Amino acid sequence: MNHNIQIFRPTDRRSAFDGLPEGERALIHETTYTSDREDWAAERIAEQMFHILNAPEELLKEDELVLANNFRAQEHYSLSTGDVVDVDGTSFLCESFGWKEVRLTYLRTQDTYLCHA
C-alpha cells in the first residue's frame, strides 16, 4: 500500500527542540512510502519513517535506504523532536517520546504551515 508522506520542520530554530505543537512549520520533504502491511495505522507509518530517517544505513532495507538517501540529499540528516510527519493527510508531531496528532493550516502569505494541537 502506498502512503503519501510530507515532513515539516519548525521555521524557528529555538522551537525545533522544544517539541511544542504550536508554531510555524515549513514543508521540507515529500515522498511516497510503500508498505506491505495493510493493517498499519498512520501513526505506525510515521514511526516507520522515523526509523528510516534515523537508523544507520546497514539496518535499512534497499527501498528504505533510497528514501533515507533522498532525504539526506536535501541536507536533512534526521527526523527530530518538533518535526511533523503527515501520512495521507493525518499529521503527527514527533515528541521526545512518541507522537501527538496535530492539525496543520497552510499560511498562504508566508508559504508555511501553522501547527495546532
N, C-alpha and C. Protein backbone atom coordinates (compact mmCIF):
# COMPACT_ATOMS: atom_id res chain seq x y z
N MET A 1 0.84 -1.18 0.00
CA MET A 1 0.00 0.00 0.00
C MET A 1 0.88 1.24 0.00
N ASN A 2 0.61 2.19 -0.89
CA ASN A 2 1.37 3.43 -0.98
C ASN A 2 0.82 4.50 -0.04
N HIS A 3 1.72 5.20 0.62
CA HIS A 3 1.34 6.29 1.53
C HIS A 3 2.07 7.56 1.11
N ASN A 4 1.31 8.66 1.05
CA ASN A 4 1.91 9.96 0.76
C ASN A 4 2.45 10.53 2.07
N ILE A 5 3.72 10.88 2.06
CA ILE A 5 4.40 11.37 3.26
C ILE A 5 4.89 12.79 3.00
N GLN A 6 4.61 13.68 3.96
CA GLN A 6 5.17 15.03 3.95
C GLN A 6 5.82 15.25 5.31
N ILE A 7 6.99 15.90 5.30
CA ILE A 7 7.70 16.18 6.55
C ILE A 7 7.85 17.69 6.67
N PHE A 8 7.49 18.18 7.86
CA PHE A 8 7.51 19.60 8.15
C PHE A 8 8.48 19.86 9.31
N ARG A 9 9.21 20.94 9.23
CA ARG A 9 10.19 21.29 10.27
C ARG A 9 9.87 22.69 10.78
N PRO A 10 10.05 22.94 12.09
CA PRO A 10 9.81 24.28 12.63
C PRO A 10 10.67 25.32 11.92
N THR A 11 10.07 26.48 11.65
CA THR A 11 10.83 27.56 11.00
C THR A 11 11.69 28.30 12.00
N ASP A 12 11.34 28.23 13.27
CA ASP A 12 12.09 28.88 14.34
C ASP A 12 13.01 27.83 14.99
N ARG A 13 14.31 28.02 14.86
CA ARG A 13 15.27 27.03 15.38
C ARG A 13 15.08 26.76 16.87
N ARG A 14 14.69 27.79 17.62
CA ARG A 14 14.55 27.62 19.06
C ARG A 14 13.44 26.62 19.40
N SER A 15 12.32 26.71 18.69
CA SER A 15 11.22 25.80 18.99
C SER A 15 11.40 24.43 18.34
N ALA A 16 12.44 24.27 17.55
CA ALA A 16 12.68 23.00 16.89
C ALA A 16 12.89 21.88 17.90
N PHE A 17 13.50 22.19 19.03
CA PHE A 17 13.81 21.14 20.01
C PHE A 17 12.87 21.15 21.20
N ASP A 18 11.98 22.14 21.26
CA ASP A 18 11.01 22.18 22.36
C ASP A 18 9.94 21.11 22.20
N GLY A 19 9.66 20.73 20.97
CA GLY A 19 8.62 19.74 20.71
C GLY A 19 7.22 20.26 20.93
N LEU A 20 7.08 21.59 20.96
CA LEU A 20 5.75 22.17 21.15
C LEU A 20 4.97 22.11 19.85
N PRO A 21 3.69 21.78 19.93
CA PRO A 21 2.91 21.67 18.69
C PRO A 21 2.67 23.02 18.02
N GLU A 22 2.49 24.09 18.82
CA GLU A 22 2.18 25.38 18.23
C GLU A 22 3.40 25.93 17.51
N GLY A 23 3.15 26.64 16.44
CA GLY A 23 4.23 27.29 15.73
C GLY A 23 4.23 26.96 14.25
N GLU A 24 5.01 27.72 13.52
CA GLU A 24 5.07 27.55 12.08
C GLU A 24 6.01 26.44 11.68
N ARG A 25 5.64 25.74 10.63
CA ARG A 25 6.45 24.66 10.08
C ARG A 25 6.59 24.87 8.58
N ALA A 26 7.73 24.53 8.06
CA ALA A 26 7.98 24.57 6.61
C ALA A 26 7.99 23.14 6.08
N LEU A 27 7.41 22.96 4.91
CA LEU A 27 7.46 21.66 4.24
C LEU A 27 8.88 21.46 3.74
N ILE A 28 9.56 20.40 4.22
CA ILE A 28 10.95 20.18 3.82
C ILE A 28 11.14 18.95 2.94
N HIS A 29 10.14 18.04 2.93
CA HIS A 29 10.34 16.83 2.15
C HIS A 29 9.00 16.16 1.85
N GLU A 30 8.89 15.61 0.65
CA GLU A 30 7.72 14.83 0.26
C GLU A 30 8.19 13.54 -0.39
N THR A 31 7.51 12.46 -0.10
CA THR A 31 7.87 11.17 -0.68
C THR A 31 6.67 10.23 -0.63
N THR A 32 6.84 9.08 -1.19
CA THR A 32 5.85 8.02 -1.11
C THR A 32 6.50 6.82 -0.43
N TYR A 33 5.82 6.29 0.57
CA TYR A 33 6.32 5.11 1.27
C TYR A 33 5.40 3.95 0.94
N THR A 34 5.98 2.85 0.49
CA THR A 34 5.21 1.66 0.16
C THR A 34 5.35 0.64 1.28
N SER A 35 4.23 0.29 1.87
CA SER A 35 4.21 -0.68 2.96
C SER A 35 3.51 -1.96 2.50
N ASP A 36 4.05 -3.07 2.90
CA ASP A 36 3.39 -4.33 2.61
C ASP A 36 2.41 -4.71 3.73
N ARG A 37 2.28 -3.82 4.72
CA ARG A 37 1.40 -4.06 5.86
C ARG A 37 0.15 -3.18 5.73
N GLU A 38 -0.95 -3.76 5.34
CA GLU A 38 -2.19 -3.01 5.19
C GLU A 38 -2.85 -2.71 6.53
N ASP A 39 -2.42 -3.39 7.60
CA ASP A 39 -3.03 -3.20 8.90
C ASP A 39 -2.36 -2.07 9.70
N TRP A 40 -1.32 -1.45 9.15
CA TRP A 40 -0.63 -0.37 9.87
C TRP A 40 -1.44 0.92 9.81
N ALA A 41 -1.67 1.52 10.96
CA ALA A 41 -2.33 2.82 11.05
C ALA A 41 -1.33 3.92 10.68
N ALA A 42 -1.84 5.12 10.46
CA ALA A 42 -0.99 6.25 10.06
C ALA A 42 0.13 6.51 11.07
N GLU A 43 -0.16 6.41 12.36
CA GLU A 43 0.87 6.65 13.37
C GLU A 43 1.99 5.63 13.26
N ARG A 44 1.67 4.40 12.92
CA ARG A 44 2.70 3.36 12.75
C ARG A 44 3.57 3.67 11.53
N ILE A 45 2.98 4.24 10.50
CA ILE A 45 3.75 4.65 9.31
C ILE A 45 4.68 5.80 9.68
N ALA A 46 4.21 6.75 10.49
CA ALA A 46 5.06 7.86 10.96
C ALA A 46 6.26 7.30 11.73
N GLU A 47 6.00 6.31 12.58
CA GLU A 47 7.08 5.67 13.35
C GLU A 47 8.08 4.99 12.42
N GLN A 48 7.59 4.37 11.37
CA GLN A 48 8.47 3.72 10.40
C GLN A 48 9.33 4.76 9.69
N MET A 49 8.75 5.91 9.37
CA MET A 49 9.53 6.98 8.73
C MET A 49 10.62 7.48 9.69
N PHE A 50 10.30 7.56 10.99
CA PHE A 50 11.32 7.93 11.97
C PHE A 50 12.48 6.95 11.93
N HIS A 51 12.16 5.68 11.92
CA HIS A 51 13.19 4.64 11.85
C HIS A 51 14.04 4.81 10.58
N ILE A 52 13.39 4.95 9.45
CA ILE A 52 14.10 5.04 8.17
C ILE A 52 15.03 6.25 8.14
N LEU A 53 14.59 7.37 8.70
CA LEU A 53 15.36 8.61 8.59
C LEU A 53 16.37 8.79 9.72
N ASN A 54 16.41 7.84 10.67
CA ASN A 54 17.36 7.95 11.78
C ASN A 54 18.27 6.75 11.95
N ALA A 55 17.91 5.62 11.38
CA ALA A 55 18.67 4.40 11.59
C ALA A 55 19.97 4.40 10.77
N PRO A 56 21.00 3.70 11.24
CA PRO A 56 22.21 3.53 10.43
C PRO A 56 21.86 2.80 9.13
N GLU A 57 22.56 3.13 8.08
CA GLU A 57 22.28 2.58 6.75
C GLU A 57 22.26 1.06 6.74
N GLU A 58 23.13 0.43 7.52
CA GLU A 58 23.22 -1.04 7.49
C GLU A 58 21.98 -1.72 8.07
N LEU A 59 21.12 -0.98 8.74
CA LEU A 59 19.89 -1.55 9.29
C LEU A 59 18.68 -1.38 8.37
N LEU A 60 18.88 -0.70 7.24
CA LEU A 60 17.77 -0.41 6.34
C LEU A 60 17.72 -1.38 5.17
N LYS A 61 16.48 -1.68 4.75
CA LYS A 61 16.29 -2.46 3.53
C LYS A 61 16.59 -1.55 2.34
N GLU A 62 16.74 -2.13 1.18
CA GLU A 62 17.13 -1.37 -0.01
C GLU A 62 16.17 -0.22 -0.31
N ASP A 63 14.87 -0.46 -0.28
CA ASP A 63 13.90 0.60 -0.58
C ASP A 63 13.90 1.67 0.51
N GLU A 64 14.14 1.28 1.75
CA GLU A 64 14.23 2.25 2.85
C GLU A 64 15.48 3.11 2.71
N LEU A 65 16.57 2.51 2.28
CA LEU A 65 17.81 3.25 2.07
C LEU A 65 17.64 4.32 0.99
N VAL A 66 16.88 4.01 -0.05
CA VAL A 66 16.60 5.00 -1.09
C VAL A 66 15.86 6.20 -0.49
N LEU A 67 14.85 5.93 0.34
CA LEU A 67 14.11 7.02 0.99
C LEU A 67 15.03 7.86 1.87
N ALA A 68 15.86 7.20 2.67
CA ALA A 68 16.78 7.91 3.56
C ALA A 68 17.79 8.74 2.78
N ASN A 69 18.34 8.18 1.72
CA ASN A 69 19.33 8.92 0.92
C ASN A 69 18.72 10.11 0.20
N ASN A 70 17.48 9.98 -0.26
CA ASN A 70 16.80 11.12 -0.90
C ASN A 70 16.58 12.24 0.11
N PHE A 71 16.22 11.89 1.33
CA PHE A 71 16.03 12.87 2.41
C PHE A 71 17.35 13.56 2.73
N ARG A 72 18.41 12.79 2.87
CA ARG A 72 19.72 13.35 3.22
C ARG A 72 20.33 14.15 2.08
N ALA A 73 19.98 13.82 0.85
CA ALA A 73 20.49 14.56 -0.31
C ALA A 73 20.02 16.02 -0.29
N GLN A 74 18.92 16.27 0.43
CA GLN A 74 18.41 17.63 0.57
C GLN A 74 18.97 18.32 1.81
N GLU A 75 20.06 17.77 2.34
CA GLU A 75 20.77 18.29 3.50
C GLU A 75 19.96 18.20 4.80
N HIS A 76 19.09 17.19 4.89
CA HIS A 76 18.39 16.87 6.12
C HIS A 76 19.05 15.61 6.66
N TYR A 77 19.34 15.60 7.95
CA TYR A 77 20.10 14.48 8.48
C TYR A 77 19.29 13.51 9.32
N SER A 78 18.18 13.96 9.88
CA SER A 78 17.37 13.06 10.69
C SER A 78 15.99 13.67 10.89
N LEU A 79 15.10 12.87 11.41
CA LEU A 79 13.79 13.34 11.82
C LEU A 79 13.91 13.60 13.31
N SER A 80 13.47 14.76 13.78
CA SER A 80 13.75 15.18 15.15
C SER A 80 12.50 15.63 15.88
N THR A 81 12.65 15.77 17.20
CA THR A 81 11.60 16.34 18.04
C THR A 81 11.17 17.68 17.47
N GLY A 82 9.88 17.89 17.36
CA GLY A 82 9.35 19.14 16.82
C GLY A 82 8.97 19.03 15.35
N ASP A 83 9.51 18.03 14.64
CA ASP A 83 9.12 17.82 13.25
C ASP A 83 7.73 17.21 13.20
N VAL A 84 7.05 17.42 12.09
CA VAL A 84 5.72 16.85 11.88
C VAL A 84 5.78 15.94 10.66
N VAL A 85 5.25 14.74 10.81
CA VAL A 85 5.14 13.79 9.70
C VAL A 85 3.66 13.68 9.35
N ASP A 86 3.33 13.99 8.11
CA ASP A 86 1.96 13.85 7.63
C ASP A 86 1.88 12.58 6.79
N VAL A 87 0.96 11.70 7.17
CA VAL A 87 0.76 10.43 6.48
C VAL A 87 -0.65 10.45 5.89
N ASP A 88 -0.73 10.59 4.59
CA ASP A 88 -2.03 10.56 3.90
C ASP A 88 -3.03 11.54 4.50
N GLY A 89 -2.55 12.72 4.91
CA GLY A 89 -3.44 13.76 5.43
C GLY A 89 -3.63 13.78 6.93
N THR A 90 -3.03 12.84 7.66
CA THR A 90 -3.08 12.83 9.12
C THR A 90 -1.69 13.19 9.62
N SER A 91 -1.61 14.25 10.44
CA SER A 91 -0.32 14.79 10.86
C SER A 91 0.03 14.41 12.29
N PHE A 92 1.32 14.10 12.49
CA PHE A 92 1.82 13.69 13.80
C PHE A 92 3.07 14.49 14.15
N LEU A 93 3.06 15.07 15.36
CA LEU A 93 4.21 15.78 15.90
C LEU A 93 5.14 14.78 16.56
N CYS A 94 6.42 14.82 16.21
CA CYS A 94 7.42 13.97 16.84
C CYS A 94 7.75 14.59 18.20
N GLU A 95 7.43 13.87 19.26
CA GLU A 95 7.71 14.34 20.61
C GLU A 95 8.97 13.65 21.14
N SER A 96 9.39 14.02 22.33
CA SER A 96 10.56 13.39 22.94
C SER A 96 10.39 11.88 23.01
N PHE A 97 9.16 11.46 23.24
CA PHE A 97 8.85 10.04 23.26
C PHE A 97 7.47 9.87 22.63
N GLY A 98 7.42 9.32 21.45
CA GLY A 98 6.15 9.05 20.80
C GLY A 98 5.67 10.17 19.90
N TRP A 99 4.38 10.14 19.63
CA TRP A 99 3.75 11.03 18.65
C TRP A 99 2.49 11.66 19.23
N LYS A 100 2.18 12.86 18.72
CA LYS A 100 0.95 13.54 19.08
C LYS A 100 0.27 13.97 17.79
N GLU A 101 -0.99 13.59 17.62
CA GLU A 101 -1.70 14.01 16.41
C GLU A 101 -1.98 15.51 16.48
N VAL A 102 -1.71 16.20 15.38
CA VAL A 102 -1.88 17.66 15.29
C VAL A 102 -2.58 18.01 13.98
N ARG A 103 -2.96 19.28 13.85
CA ARG A 103 -3.52 19.80 12.60
C ARG A 103 -2.55 20.82 12.03
N LEU A 104 -2.46 20.86 10.72
CA LEU A 104 -1.65 21.86 10.02
C LEU A 104 -2.57 22.74 9.18
N THR A 105 -2.34 24.05 9.25
CA THR A 105 -3.09 25.01 8.45
C THR A 105 -2.11 25.78 7.59
N TYR A 106 -2.36 25.79 6.30
CA TYR A 106 -1.46 26.48 5.36
C TYR A 106 -1.61 27.99 5.49
N LEU A 107 -0.49 28.69 5.65
CA LEU A 107 -0.47 30.16 5.70
C LEU A 107 0.04 30.66 4.35
N ARG A 108 -0.88 30.97 3.49
CA ARG A 108 -0.55 31.32 2.11
C ARG A 108 0.42 32.51 2.00
N THR A 109 0.25 33.49 2.89
CA THR A 109 1.07 34.70 2.79
C THR A 109 2.54 34.45 3.12
N GLN A 110 2.81 33.38 3.90
CA GLN A 110 4.19 33.11 4.31
C GLN A 110 4.72 31.80 3.74
N ASP A 111 3.89 31.08 2.99
CA ASP A 111 4.25 29.79 2.42
C ASP A 111 4.76 28.82 3.50
N THR A 112 4.09 28.87 4.65
CA THR A 112 4.41 27.96 5.75
C THR A 112 3.10 27.35 6.27
N TYR A 113 3.22 26.47 7.24
CA TYR A 113 2.07 25.80 7.84
C TYR A 113 2.05 26.09 9.33
N LEU A 114 0.88 26.37 9.86
CA LEU A 114 0.72 26.59 11.30
C LEU A 114 0.26 25.30 11.94
N CYS A 115 0.97 24.89 12.96
CA CYS A 115 0.68 23.62 13.64
C CYS A 115 -0.20 23.91 14.85
N HIS A 116 -1.26 23.09 15.03
CA HIS A 116 -2.19 23.22 16.16
C HIS A 116 -2.28 21.89 16.87
N ALA A 117 -2.36 21.95 18.19
CA ALA A 117 -2.54 20.71 18.98
C ALA A 117 -3.94 20.20 18.84
